[in-house]
Amino acid sequence: MYIARGFLILSFGSMLRFISCYSDGGLLEDQCQEMNIIHDGSAQATESPFKVEPENVTLTDSEWNNVTINVTLSGGSREFMGFMLDSRECDDKPNCTSVGTFNLTDLDNSLLICGNRVVVHPNNLGKSSITVSWTPGSAGQFFFRAAVVEDFSTFWGRKRIDLPSTTPPPTETSAHTILTTSPTIFPTDSHATDVLSILTNLDVEVLAEESSTEEERQAALRQVAALLESYLRANNTDIYSFEVTRIEPVSSSPCD
């Protein structure tokens, strides 16, 4: 193992600029969490041409202890000199650390560090691809990410892990109406395909003032239908799988 070091003495005063890079990834133990590339300049802002396959896997309780995943880092026709590769469940630092363990299939171009949880380069020779095997330690969804160095001044950081949102969408409300729905199947006219027709066929009663005209009741029904259809479309829900169970007026002022 060795460290490639270079010095550049600037001609202005006594300023000294120190540059260091690790041609032996075995010296990157202190970077397993952050995976920072300590080179001149900044990481490329463009999408990395070097891809990890697969990018993620989901394993159930019955699968995780009987499976080994082959993971490949490659750049097609482009070669890379250095890299750090691991698997995580999220990007919430410092709570999300590398998980699972790797095993090597190419000893000439890959090296294990940080308890076999991170794979790095053993040299700064050009590599077109590397493949390793990964064993999970539990069930879950796991994301494989890599920081890659093409040459000293051209490198890419780890791709972010974007987890799908688990926050339920808000229900549709207005100043005049609340819709309460329950997930139950109900019969309807097989020819009715729009929400207004379905509500009409179900004889939905729109609560209105006794003095309301038929025109006003029809307008209220259309408003309810529009709100319901908007809710179902926002949640990608089949309009046949919801039943309106309650429609009631809501005061426009919380103090009334």
Protein backbone atom coordinates (compact mmCIF):
# COMPACT_ATOMS: atom_id res chain seq x y z
CA MET A 1 0.00 0.00 0.00
CA TYR A 2 1.23 3.49 -0.70
CA ILE A 3 0.01 7.06 -0.80
CA ALA A 4 0.62 9.08 -3.93
CA ARG A 5 1.47 12.62 -2.78
CA GLY A 6 2.35 15.74 -4.71
CA PHE A 7 3.40 19.26 -3.75
CA LEU A 8 2.95 22.47 -5.65
CA ILE A 9 4.81 25.57 -4.43
CA LEU A 10 3.12 28.73 -5.60
CA SER A 11 5.25 31.69 -6.61
CA PHE A 12 3.34 34.16 -4.41
CA GLY A 13 4.97 34.61 -1.02
CA SER A 14 5.28 31.46 1.04
CA MET A 15 1.93 29.81 0.14
CA LEU A 16 2.13 26.04 -0.05
CA ARG A 17 -0.55 23.89 -1.56
CA PHE A 18 -0.80 20.23 -0.55
CA ILE A 19 -2.60 17.65 -2.63
CA SER A 20 -3.12 14.07 -1.59
CA CYS A 21 -5.02 11.19 -3.11
CA TYR A 22 -5.18 7.52 -2.27
CA SER A 23 -4.23 5.12 -5.03
CA ASP A 24 -4.74 2.35 -2.44
CA GLY A 25 -8.37 2.40 -1.25
CA GLY A 26 -7.37 0.46 1.84
CA LEU A 27 -6.42 3.82 3.39
CA LEU A 28 -10.00 5.11 3.16
CA GLU A 29 -11.33 3.52 6.36
CA ASP A 30 -12.17 6.96 7.79
CA GLN A 31 -14.35 7.76 4.75
CA CYS A 32 -16.72 4.77 4.91
CA GLN A 33 -19.58 6.90 6.26
CA GLU A 34 -19.23 10.10 4.21
CA MET A 35 -17.49 8.62 1.13
CA ASN A 36 -15.83 11.94 0.39
CA ILE A 37 -13.39 12.12 -2.53
CA ILE A 38 -10.51 14.32 -1.37
CA HIS A 39 -9.27 15.65 -4.70
CA ASP A 40 -8.82 19.05 -6.26
CA GLY A 41 -12.03 20.78 -7.25
CA SER A 42 -15.61 19.61 -6.84
CA ALA A 43 -17.48 16.49 -7.85
CA GLN A 44 -19.13 16.54 -11.26
CA ALA A 45 -22.66 17.97 -11.25
CA THR A 46 -23.76 15.78 -14.16
CA GLU A 47 -25.16 12.28 -13.84
CA SER A 48 -22.40 9.75 -13.42
CA PRO A 49 -21.66 7.59 -16.48
CA PHE A 50 -20.67 4.82 -14.08
CA LYS A 51 -23.65 2.70 -13.07
CA VAL A 52 -24.28 0.26 -10.25
CA GLU A 53 -26.45 -2.74 -11.05
CA PRO A 54 -28.74 -3.47 -9.38
CA GLU A 55 -29.40 -0.03 -7.86
CA ASN A 56 -31.62 -1.53 -5.16
CA VAL A 57 -33.20 -4.77 -3.97
CA THR A 58 -36.13 -5.54 -1.68
CA LEU A 59 -35.91 -8.69 0.44
CA THR A 60 -38.66 -10.23 2.58
CA ASP A 61 -38.30 -12.08 5.88
CA SER A 62 -38.36 -15.39 4.02
CA GLU A 63 -35.75 -14.32 1.45
CA TRP A 64 -32.96 -12.36 3.10
CA ASN A 65 -31.15 -15.23 4.83
CA ASN A 66 -31.09 -17.40 1.71
CA VAL A 67 -29.83 -14.98 -0.92
CA THR A 68 -26.60 -13.49 -2.28
CA ILE A 69 -26.73 -10.53 -4.67
CA ASN A 70 -24.12 -9.92 -7.39
CA VAL A 71 -23.42 -6.18 -7.67
CA THR A 72 -21.58 -4.65 -10.65
CA LEU A 73 -20.04 -1.20 -11.09
CA SER A 74 -19.27 -0.34 -14.72
CA GLY A 75 -18.93 2.56 -17.14
CA GLY A 76 -19.36 0.88 -20.51
CA SER A 77 -16.43 2.01 -22.65
CA ARG A 78 -15.13 4.41 -19.95
CA GLU A 79 -12.64 3.30 -17.32
CA PHE A 80 -12.36 4.43 -13.71
CA MET A 81 -9.34 4.52 -11.41
CA GLY A 82 -10.90 4.54 -7.95
CA PHE A 83 -14.22 3.89 -6.25
CA MET A 84 -16.07 3.26 -2.98
CA LEU A 85 -19.17 1.03 -3.06
CA ASP A 86 -21.61 0.09 -0.31
CA SER A 87 -25.24 -0.73 0.48
CA ARG A 88 -27.55 1.36 2.69
CA GLU A 89 -31.22 1.64 3.56
CA CYS A 90 -31.32 5.46 3.53
CA ASP A 91 -29.22 8.65 3.44
CA ASP A 92 -30.08 9.92 6.94
CA LYS A 93 -26.61 10.61 8.32
CA PRO A 94 -25.28 9.51 10.73
CA ASN A 95 -28.09 7.04 11.40
CA CYS A 96 -27.82 5.20 8.08
CA THR A 97 -24.56 3.32 7.75
CA SER A 98 -23.36 0.60 5.38
CA VAL A 99 -25.28 -2.65 5.81
CA GLY A 100 -24.69 -6.24 4.75
CA THR A 101 -21.31 -7.70 3.86
CA PHE A 102 -19.46 -8.05 0.57
CA ASN A 103 -17.31 -10.85 -0.82
CA LEU A 104 -14.78 -10.36 -3.61
CA THR A 105 -14.79 -12.10 -6.97
CA ASP A 106 -11.99 -9.99 -8.52
CA LEU A 107 -9.05 -9.70 -6.11
CA ASP A 108 -6.99 -7.67 -8.60
CA ASN A 109 -9.45 -4.78 -8.83
CA SER A 110 -11.38 -4.73 -5.55
CA LEU A 111 -10.63 -4.62 -1.83
CA LEU A 112 -12.78 -4.84 1.33
CA ILE A 113 -12.64 -2.33 4.19
CA CYS A 114 -14.76 -1.30 7.17
CA GLY A 115 -15.68 -4.81 8.28
CA ASN A 116 -16.34 -6.00 4.71
CA ARG A 117 -19.20 -3.50 4.42
CA VAL A 118 -17.45 -1.28 1.82
CA VAL A 119 -15.63 -2.18 -1.41
CA VAL A 120 -12.78 0.03 -2.72
CA HIS A 121 -10.00 0.00 -5.35
CA PRO A 122 -6.66 -1.68 -4.48
CA ASN A 123 -4.74 0.33 -7.13
CA ASN A 124 -5.14 3.29 -9.50
CA LEU A 125 -5.12 1.26 -12.70
CA GLY A 126 -7.97 1.71 -15.19
CA LYS A 127 -10.94 -0.60 -14.63
CA SER A 128 -13.90 -1.08 -16.96
CA SER A 129 -16.01 -2.86 -14.35
CA ILE A 130 -15.91 -4.71 -11.05
CA THR A 131 -18.33 -7.29 -9.67
CA VAL A 132 -18.74 -8.32 -6.05
CA SER A 133 -21.27 -10.41 -4.15
CA TRP A 134 -23.31 -8.98 -1.29
CA THR A 135 -25.05 -10.78 1.58
CA PRO A 136 -27.80 -8.96 3.53
CA GLY A 137 -28.07 -8.96 7.31
CA SER A 138 -31.85 -8.51 7.49
CA ALA A 139 -35.00 -8.03 5.46
CA GLY A 140 -35.69 -4.62 3.90
CA GLN A 141 -35.03 -2.42 0.89
CA PHE A 142 -31.35 -1.82 0.19
CA PHE A 143 -29.69 0.69 -2.15
CA PHE A 144 -26.28 0.14 -3.76
CA ARG A 145 -24.33 3.36 -4.33
CA ALA A 146 -20.78 4.24 -5.39
CA ALA A 147 -18.46 7.24 -5.48
CA VAL A 148 -16.25 6.96 -8.57
CA VAL A 149 -13.00 8.57 -9.74
CA GLU A 150 -12.35 8.60 -13.49
CA ASP A 151 -9.13 10.58 -13.12
CA PHE A 152 -7.70 12.93 -10.50
CA SER A 153 -9.86 15.91 -11.46
CA THR A 154 -12.95 14.07 -12.73
CA PHE A 155 -15.05 12.28 -10.13
CA TRP A 156 -18.64 11.74 -9.00
CA GLY A 157 -20.04 11.48 -5.49
CA ARG A 158 -22.60 8.94 -4.29
CA LYS A 159 -26.04 9.14 -5.88
CA ARG A 160 -28.70 10.19 -3.40
CA ILE A 161 -31.13 7.66 -1.98
CA ASP A 162 -34.64 9.03 -2.48
CA LEU A 163 -37.13 7.02 -0.47
CA PRO A 164 -40.81 7.05 -1.50
CA SER A 165 -42.98 9.26 0.69
CA THR A 166 -44.99 7.45 3.37
CA THR A 167 -47.14 10.49 4.24
CA PRO A 168 -50.80 9.84 3.32
CA PRO A 169 -52.34 12.45 1.02
CA PRO A 170 -54.79 14.88 2.64
CA THR A 171 -58.49 14.31 2.10
CA GLU A 172 -60.36 16.76 -0.09
CA THR A 173 -62.40 19.33 1.86
CA SER A 174 -64.13 22.59 1.11
CA ALA A 175 -65.72 25.35 3.16
CA HIS A 176 -69.14 23.74 2.62
CA THR A 177 -68.68 19.96 2.36
CA ILE A 178 -66.84 17.05 3.98
CA LEU A 179 -66.74 13.67 2.23
CA THR A 180 -66.38 10.60 4.41
CA THR A 181 -65.53 7.44 2.49
CA SER A 182 -65.15 3.78 3.36
CA PRO A 183 -63.29 1.14 1.29
CA THR A 184 -66.20 -1.06 0.28
CA ILE A 185 -67.50 -2.35 -3.03
CA PHE A 186 -70.98 -1.20 -4.04
CA PRO A 187 -73.22 -2.11 -6.97
CA THR A 188 -73.72 0.43 -9.70
CA ASP A 189 -74.95 0.77 -13.22
CA SER A 190 -72.43 -1.06 -15.39
CA HIS A 191 -72.79 1.66 -18.01
CA ALA A 192 -72.04 4.55 -15.63
CA THR A 193 -68.42 5.66 -15.88
CA ASP A 194 -68.41 9.13 -14.32
CA VAL A 195 -68.71 10.00 -10.64
CA LEU A 196 -71.80 12.19 -11.05
CA SER A 197 -73.74 9.36 -12.73
CA ILE A 198 -72.66 6.90 -10.05
CA LEU A 199 -73.74 9.24 -7.25
CA THR A 200 -77.07 9.83 -8.97
CA ASN A 201 -77.68 6.09 -9.45
CA LEU A 202 -76.95 5.55 -5.75
CA ASP A 203 -79.63 8.08 -4.81
CA VAL A 204 -77.11 10.09 -2.81
CA GLU A 205 -78.87 12.72 -0.73
CA VAL A 206 -77.20 16.11 -0.70
CA LEU A 207 -77.93 17.90 2.55
CA ALA A 208 -79.28 21.31 1.75
CA GLU A 209 -81.67 23.81 3.19
CA GLU A 210 -85.30 22.75 2.95
CA SER A 211 -85.97 25.89 0.95
CA SER A 212 -83.35 24.96 -1.65
CA THR A 213 -84.53 24.70 -5.21
CA GLU A 214 -83.96 21.63 -7.34
CA GLU A 215 -81.40 23.61 -9.33
CA GLU A 216 -79.48 24.41 -6.13
CA ARG A 217 -79.56 20.75 -5.07
CA GLN A 218 -78.28 19.68 -8.47
CA ALA A 219 -75.46 22.25 -8.24
CA ALA A 220 -74.53 20.88 -4.79
CA LEU A 221 -74.53 17.34 -6.19
CA ARG A 222 -72.18 18.35 -8.98
CA GLN A 223 -69.86 19.99 -6.42
CA VAL A 224 -69.79 16.79 -4.37
CA ALA A 225 -69.09 14.73 -7.49
CA ALA A 226 -66.21 17.01 -8.50
CA LEU A 227 -64.64 16.80 -5.03
CA LEU A 228 -64.99 13.03 -4.90
CA GLU A 229 -63.57 12.54 -8.37
CA SER A 230 -60.63 14.82 -7.52
CA TYR A 231 -59.94 12.79 -4.37
CA LEU A 232 -60.07 9.45 -6.17
CA ARG A 233 -57.86 10.63 -9.03
CA ALA A 234 -55.30 12.07 -6.60
CA ASN A 235 -55.08 8.68 -4.91
CA ASN A 236 -55.18 6.61 -8.12
CA THR A 237 -58.28 4.91 -6.78
CA ASP A 238 -60.87 3.06 -8.82
CA ILE A 239 -64.09 5.06 -8.62
CA TYR A 240 -65.99 1.81 -8.06
CA SER A 241 -64.14 1.02 -4.81
CA PHE A 242 -65.43 3.88 -2.65
CA GLU A 243 -68.85 4.58 -1.19
CA VAL A 244 -69.98 7.96 0.08
CA THR A 245 -71.28 7.33 3.59
CA ARG A 246 -71.70 10.84 4.93
CA ILE A 247 -72.02 14.35 3.52
CA GLU A 248 -72.43 17.17 5.95
CA PRO A 249 -72.12 20.97 5.94
CA VAL A 250 -69.01 22.58 7.41
CA SER A 251 -69.01 26.07 8.81
CA SER A 252 -66.76 28.48 6.96
CA SER A 253 -65.64 29.89 10.31
CA PRO A 254 -64.14 27.68 13.07
CA CYS A 255 -65.72 29.93 15.70
CA ASP A 256 -69.34 29.53 14.53
